[in-house]
C-alpha cells in the first residue's frame, strides 16, 4: 500500500500526479497493490481520472479531507488511520472497494 503525499517534495515531485508517484515507485522495483490519496489535495485528478490513468496496474482509493486542520502538509492521523483500517479490514476478504469514499 502506498499513501500518496499531500504536497510535493520540492523539487523532486513538483507537478507529479498520483500515477507519476506510482511510476516513480516502479522505477525502483516497487508496485503497490493499493494507492491511497487525498482527493482534495491540490493538483490531484478526480478518482475516475486516476483510475483511468493507472488502468488495472493498481487499485486506487480516493479519500477526501485527509489534510490535518492544524497543518498545511500533514495527514490527519485519525482520518488516515480510519481509511487504512477500512482498507485492511477488506483486504483479507477480497472485497473490492469503490475508488472513492
N, C-alpha and C. Protein backbone atom coordinates (compact mmCIF):
# COMPACT_ATOMS: atom_id res chain seq x y z
N UNK A 1 0.85 -1.17 0.00
CA UNK A 1 0.00 0.00 0.00
C UNK A 1 0.89 1.23 0.00
N UNK A 2 0.49 2.21 -0.79
CA UNK A 2 1.21 3.48 -0.85
C UNK A 2 0.23 4.60 -0.51
N UNK A 3 0.61 5.45 0.45
CA UNK A 3 -0.17 6.64 0.78
C UNK A 3 0.51 7.81 0.09
N UNK A 4 -0.18 8.40 -0.85
CA UNK A 4 0.38 9.48 -1.66
C UNK A 4 0.57 10.74 -0.82
N UNK A 5 1.66 11.45 -1.09
CA UNK A 5 1.94 12.72 -0.41
C UNK A 5 0.81 13.71 -0.63
N UNK A 6 0.57 14.54 0.36
CA UNK A 6 -0.41 15.62 0.22
C UNK A 6 0.15 16.77 -0.59
N UNK A 7 1.44 16.98 -0.46
CA UNK A 7 2.13 18.09 -1.14
C UNK A 7 3.41 17.55 -1.76
N UNK A 8 3.89 18.22 -2.80
CA UNK A 8 5.11 17.75 -3.44
C UNK A 8 6.33 17.90 -2.55
N UNK A 9 7.29 17.02 -2.77
CA UNK A 9 8.60 17.14 -2.15
C UNK A 9 9.42 17.99 -3.11
N UNK A 10 9.59 19.26 -2.79
CA UNK A 10 10.29 20.20 -3.67
C UNK A 10 11.78 19.86 -3.66
N UNK A 11 12.46 19.76 -4.77
CA UNK A 11 11.97 19.88 -6.14
C UNK A 11 11.62 18.54 -6.77
N UNK A 12 11.77 17.46 -6.03
CA UNK A 12 11.70 16.11 -6.60
C UNK A 12 10.36 15.75 -7.23
N UNK A 13 9.24 16.07 -6.59
CA UNK A 13 7.96 15.60 -7.10
C UNK A 13 6.99 16.72 -7.46
N UNK A 14 7.49 17.91 -7.68
CA UNK A 14 6.62 19.02 -8.09
C UNK A 14 5.95 18.66 -9.41
N UNK A 15 4.64 18.81 -9.47
CA UNK A 15 3.89 18.51 -10.69
C UNK A 15 3.52 17.05 -10.86
N UNK A 16 3.86 16.19 -9.92
CA UNK A 16 3.54 14.77 -10.03
C UNK A 16 2.05 14.53 -9.83
N UNK A 17 1.50 13.66 -10.66
CA UNK A 17 0.14 13.16 -10.47
C UNK A 17 0.24 11.91 -9.59
N UNK A 18 -0.90 11.37 -9.21
CA UNK A 18 -0.90 10.12 -8.45
C UNK A 18 -0.20 9.03 -9.27
N UNK A 19 -0.50 8.96 -10.56
CA UNK A 19 0.12 7.96 -11.43
C UNK A 19 1.63 8.18 -11.54
N UNK A 20 2.07 9.44 -11.57
CA UNK A 20 3.51 9.72 -11.61
C UNK A 20 4.21 9.16 -10.37
N UNK A 21 3.57 9.28 -9.21
CA UNK A 21 4.14 8.72 -7.98
C UNK A 21 4.28 7.21 -8.11
N UNK A 22 3.26 6.55 -8.64
CA UNK A 22 3.30 5.10 -8.80
C UNK A 22 4.41 4.71 -9.78
N UNK A 23 4.53 5.44 -10.87
CA UNK A 23 5.60 5.14 -11.85
C UNK A 23 6.98 5.32 -11.23
N UNK A 24 7.14 6.33 -10.38
CA UNK A 24 8.43 6.54 -9.70
C UNK A 24 8.75 5.35 -8.80
N UNK A 25 7.75 4.84 -8.11
CA UNK A 25 7.96 3.65 -7.28
C UNK A 25 8.36 2.46 -8.14
N UNK A 26 7.71 2.31 -9.30
CA UNK A 26 8.02 1.20 -10.19
C UNK A 26 9.45 1.26 -10.71
N UNK A 27 9.94 2.46 -10.94
CA UNK A 27 11.33 2.60 -11.39
C UNK A 27 12.31 2.07 -10.35
N UNK A 28 11.85 1.97 -9.12
CA UNK A 28 12.68 1.43 -8.04
C UNK A 28 12.27 0.00 -7.69
N UNK A 29 11.51 -0.63 -8.57
CA UNK A 29 11.13 -2.02 -8.40
C UNK A 29 9.96 -2.27 -7.46
N UNK A 30 9.18 -1.25 -7.17
CA UNK A 30 8.04 -1.38 -6.26
C UNK A 30 6.74 -1.05 -6.97
N UNK A 31 5.76 -1.93 -6.85
CA UNK A 31 4.42 -1.64 -7.36
C UNK A 31 3.43 -1.93 -6.24
N UNK A 32 2.81 -0.89 -5.69
CA UNK A 32 1.85 -1.13 -4.60
C UNK A 32 0.58 -1.79 -5.12
N UNK A 33 -0.05 -2.56 -4.26
CA UNK A 33 -1.34 -3.16 -4.60
C UNK A 33 -2.44 -2.11 -4.57
N UNK A 34 -2.32 -1.18 -3.62
CA UNK A 34 -3.33 -0.15 -3.42
C UNK A 34 -2.64 1.19 -3.24
N UNK A 35 -3.22 2.23 -3.83
CA UNK A 35 -2.73 3.60 -3.65
C UNK A 35 -3.85 4.40 -2.99
N UNK A 36 -3.54 4.98 -1.84
CA UNK A 36 -4.49 5.81 -1.11
C UNK A 36 -4.07 7.26 -1.28
N UNK A 37 -5.00 8.11 -1.67
CA UNK A 37 -4.66 9.52 -1.85
C UNK A 37 -5.82 10.42 -1.45
N UNK A 38 -5.48 11.66 -1.12
CA UNK A 38 -6.48 12.66 -0.72
C UNK A 38 -7.05 13.30 -1.98
N UNK A 39 -8.33 13.09 -2.21
CA UNK A 39 -8.96 13.62 -3.42
C UNK A 39 -9.10 15.14 -3.38
N UNK A 40 -8.91 15.75 -2.22
CA UNK A 40 -9.00 17.20 -2.11
C UNK A 40 -7.66 17.91 -2.31
N UNK A 41 -6.57 17.15 -2.37
CA UNK A 41 -5.25 17.78 -2.49
C UNK A 41 -5.11 18.51 -3.82
N UNK A 42 -4.47 19.64 -3.77
CA UNK A 42 -4.25 20.44 -4.99
C UNK A 42 -3.46 19.65 -6.01
N UNK A 43 -3.89 19.74 -7.25
CA UNK A 43 -3.16 19.12 -8.34
C UNK A 43 -3.50 17.67 -8.59
N UNK A 44 -4.33 17.07 -7.76
CA UNK A 44 -4.67 15.67 -7.98
C UNK A 44 -5.96 15.59 -8.79
N UNK A 45 -6.00 14.63 -9.69
CA UNK A 45 -7.15 14.45 -10.57
C UNK A 45 -8.30 13.78 -9.81
N UNK A 46 -9.43 13.70 -10.46
CA UNK A 46 -10.58 13.01 -9.87
C UNK A 46 -10.29 11.52 -9.74
N UNK A 47 -11.06 10.85 -8.91
CA UNK A 47 -10.88 9.41 -8.71
C UNK A 47 -11.01 8.66 -10.03
N UNK A 48 -11.97 9.05 -10.87
CA UNK A 48 -12.14 8.38 -12.17
C UNK A 48 -10.92 8.59 -13.06
N UNK A 49 -10.38 9.80 -13.07
CA UNK A 49 -9.21 10.09 -13.90
C UNK A 49 -7.99 9.30 -13.43
N UNK A 50 -7.81 9.21 -12.12
CA UNK A 50 -6.68 8.45 -11.58
C UNK A 50 -6.83 6.98 -11.94
N UNK A 51 -8.02 6.42 -11.75
CA UNK A 51 -8.26 5.02 -12.09
C UNK A 51 -8.02 4.76 -13.57
N UNK A 52 -8.46 5.69 -14.40
CA UNK A 52 -8.27 5.54 -15.85
C UNK A 52 -6.79 5.60 -16.21
N UNK A 53 -6.05 6.51 -15.61
CA UNK A 53 -4.63 6.66 -15.93
C UNK A 53 -3.82 5.45 -15.48
N UNK A 54 -4.17 4.88 -14.35
CA UNK A 54 -3.42 3.73 -13.84
C UNK A 54 -3.94 2.41 -14.38
N UNK A 55 -5.14 2.43 -14.97
CA UNK A 55 -5.71 1.21 -15.54
C UNK A 55 -5.85 0.13 -14.49
N UNK A 56 -5.45 -1.06 -14.84
CA UNK A 56 -5.54 -2.18 -13.92
C UNK A 56 -4.23 -2.43 -13.20
N UNK A 57 -3.30 -1.50 -13.32
CA UNK A 57 -1.98 -1.65 -12.70
C UNK A 57 -2.08 -1.77 -11.18
N UNK A 58 -2.83 -0.87 -10.58
CA UNK A 58 -3.02 -0.88 -9.13
C UNK A 58 -4.45 -0.45 -8.81
N UNK A 59 -4.91 -0.82 -7.64
CA UNK A 59 -6.20 -0.36 -7.16
C UNK A 59 -5.99 0.99 -6.48
N UNK A 60 -6.90 1.92 -6.70
CA UNK A 60 -6.76 3.24 -6.08
C UNK A 60 -7.93 3.51 -5.16
N UNK A 61 -7.68 4.33 -4.17
CA UNK A 61 -8.72 4.70 -3.20
C UNK A 61 -8.59 6.18 -2.90
N UNK A 62 -9.59 6.96 -3.28
CA UNK A 62 -9.60 8.40 -3.02
C UNK A 62 -10.35 8.66 -1.72
N UNK A 63 -9.74 9.45 -0.85
CA UNK A 63 -10.36 9.82 0.42
C UNK A 63 -10.30 11.33 0.54
N UNK A 64 -11.44 12.00 0.65
CA UNK A 64 -11.42 13.46 0.79
C UNK A 64 -11.05 13.89 2.20
N UNK A 65 -10.43 15.05 2.31
CA UNK A 65 -10.21 15.68 3.60
C UNK A 65 -9.18 15.05 4.50
N UNK A 66 -8.12 14.47 3.96
CA UNK A 66 -7.09 13.85 4.79
C UNK A 66 -6.10 14.85 5.38
N UNK A 67 -6.14 16.09 4.91
CA UNK A 67 -5.22 17.11 5.42
C UNK A 67 -5.62 17.50 6.84
N UNK A 68 -4.65 17.48 7.74
CA UNK A 68 -4.91 17.85 9.13
C UNK A 68 -5.27 19.33 9.22
N UNK A 69 -6.25 19.65 10.03
CA UNK A 69 -6.73 21.04 10.15
C UNK A 69 -5.64 21.99 10.62
N UNK A 70 -4.75 21.54 11.47
CA UNK A 70 -3.72 22.40 12.02
C UNK A 70 -2.42 22.38 11.22
N UNK A 71 -2.43 21.77 10.04
CA UNK A 71 -1.21 21.65 9.26
C UNK A 71 -1.50 21.86 7.78
N UNK A 72 -0.53 22.43 7.10
CA UNK A 72 -0.66 22.60 5.65
C UNK A 72 -0.02 21.44 4.90
N UNK A 73 0.64 20.53 5.62
CA UNK A 73 1.38 19.48 4.94
C UNK A 73 1.14 18.07 5.47
N UNK A 74 0.50 17.90 6.61
CA UNK A 74 0.40 16.59 7.24
C UNK A 74 -0.99 15.98 7.11
N UNK A 75 -1.02 14.66 7.02
CA UNK A 75 -2.29 13.93 7.04
C UNK A 75 -2.90 14.03 8.43
N UNK A 76 -4.22 14.05 8.49
CA UNK A 76 -4.92 13.95 9.77
C UNK A 76 -4.77 12.51 10.24
N UNK A 77 -4.12 12.28 11.38
CA UNK A 77 -3.84 10.90 11.80
C UNK A 77 -5.09 10.05 12.01
N UNK A 78 -6.15 10.62 12.56
CA UNK A 78 -7.37 9.85 12.80
C UNK A 78 -8.05 9.47 11.49
N UNK A 79 -8.14 10.41 10.56
CA UNK A 79 -8.78 10.12 9.27
C UNK A 79 -7.95 9.14 8.44
N UNK A 80 -6.64 9.34 8.43
CA UNK A 80 -5.77 8.42 7.69
C UNK A 80 -5.84 7.03 8.31
N UNK A 81 -5.80 6.96 9.63
CA UNK A 81 -5.90 5.67 10.32
C UNK A 81 -7.20 4.96 10.00
N UNK A 82 -8.30 5.70 9.98
CA UNK A 82 -9.60 5.10 9.66
C UNK A 82 -9.63 4.58 8.23
N UNK A 83 -9.07 5.34 7.30
CA UNK A 83 -9.04 4.91 5.90
C UNK A 83 -8.18 3.65 5.74
N UNK A 84 -7.03 3.62 6.42
CA UNK A 84 -6.16 2.45 6.35
C UNK A 84 -6.82 1.23 7.00
N UNK A 85 -7.49 1.44 8.13
CA UNK A 85 -8.17 0.34 8.81
C UNK A 85 -9.27 -0.25 7.93
N UNK A 86 -10.00 0.62 7.23
CA UNK A 86 -11.05 0.13 6.33
C UNK A 86 -10.46 -0.70 5.20
N UNK A 87 -9.37 -0.23 4.62
CA UNK A 87 -8.73 -0.98 3.54
C UNK A 87 -8.21 -2.33 4.05
N UNK A 88 -7.57 -2.32 5.20
CA UNK A 88 -7.02 -3.56 5.74
C UNK A 88 -8.12 -4.54 6.14
N UNK A 89 -9.23 -4.04 6.64
CA UNK A 89 -10.34 -4.90 7.02
C UNK A 89 -10.91 -5.63 5.81
N UNK A 90 -10.90 -4.99 4.66
CA UNK A 90 -11.44 -5.59 3.45
C UNK A 90 -10.39 -6.40 2.68
N UNK A 91 -9.12 -6.20 2.98
CA UNK A 91 -8.06 -6.86 2.22
C UNK A 91 -8.14 -8.38 2.33
N UNK A 92 -8.42 -8.89 3.51
CA UNK A 92 -8.45 -10.34 3.69
C UNK A 92 -9.72 -10.98 3.12
N UNK A 93 -10.75 -10.19 2.88
CA UNK A 93 -12.00 -10.74 2.37
C UNK A 93 -12.03 -10.79 0.85
N UNK A 94 -11.13 -10.03 0.21
CA UNK A 94 -11.13 -9.97 -1.24
C UNK A 94 -12.19 -9.05 -1.80
N UNK A 95 -12.89 -8.33 -0.93
CA UNK A 95 -13.93 -7.40 -1.37
C UNK A 95 -13.26 -6.20 -2.03
N UNK A 96 -13.70 -5.87 -3.21
CA UNK A 96 -13.16 -4.71 -3.92
C UNK A 96 -13.96 -3.49 -3.51
N UNK A 97 -13.27 -2.51 -2.95
CA UNK A 97 -13.92 -1.28 -2.53
C UNK A 97 -14.02 -0.31 -3.69
N UNK A 98 -15.01 0.58 -3.66
CA UNK A 98 -15.07 1.61 -4.71
C UNK A 98 -13.84 2.49 -4.63
N UNK A 99 -13.55 3.21 -5.71
CA UNK A 99 -12.34 4.02 -5.75
C UNK A 99 -12.43 5.26 -4.89
N UNK A 100 -13.61 5.65 -4.45
CA UNK A 100 -13.75 6.85 -3.63
C UNK A 100 -14.66 6.57 -2.44
N UNK A 101 -14.35 7.22 -1.34
CA UNK A 101 -15.21 7.12 -0.16
C UNK A 101 -16.38 8.06 -0.29
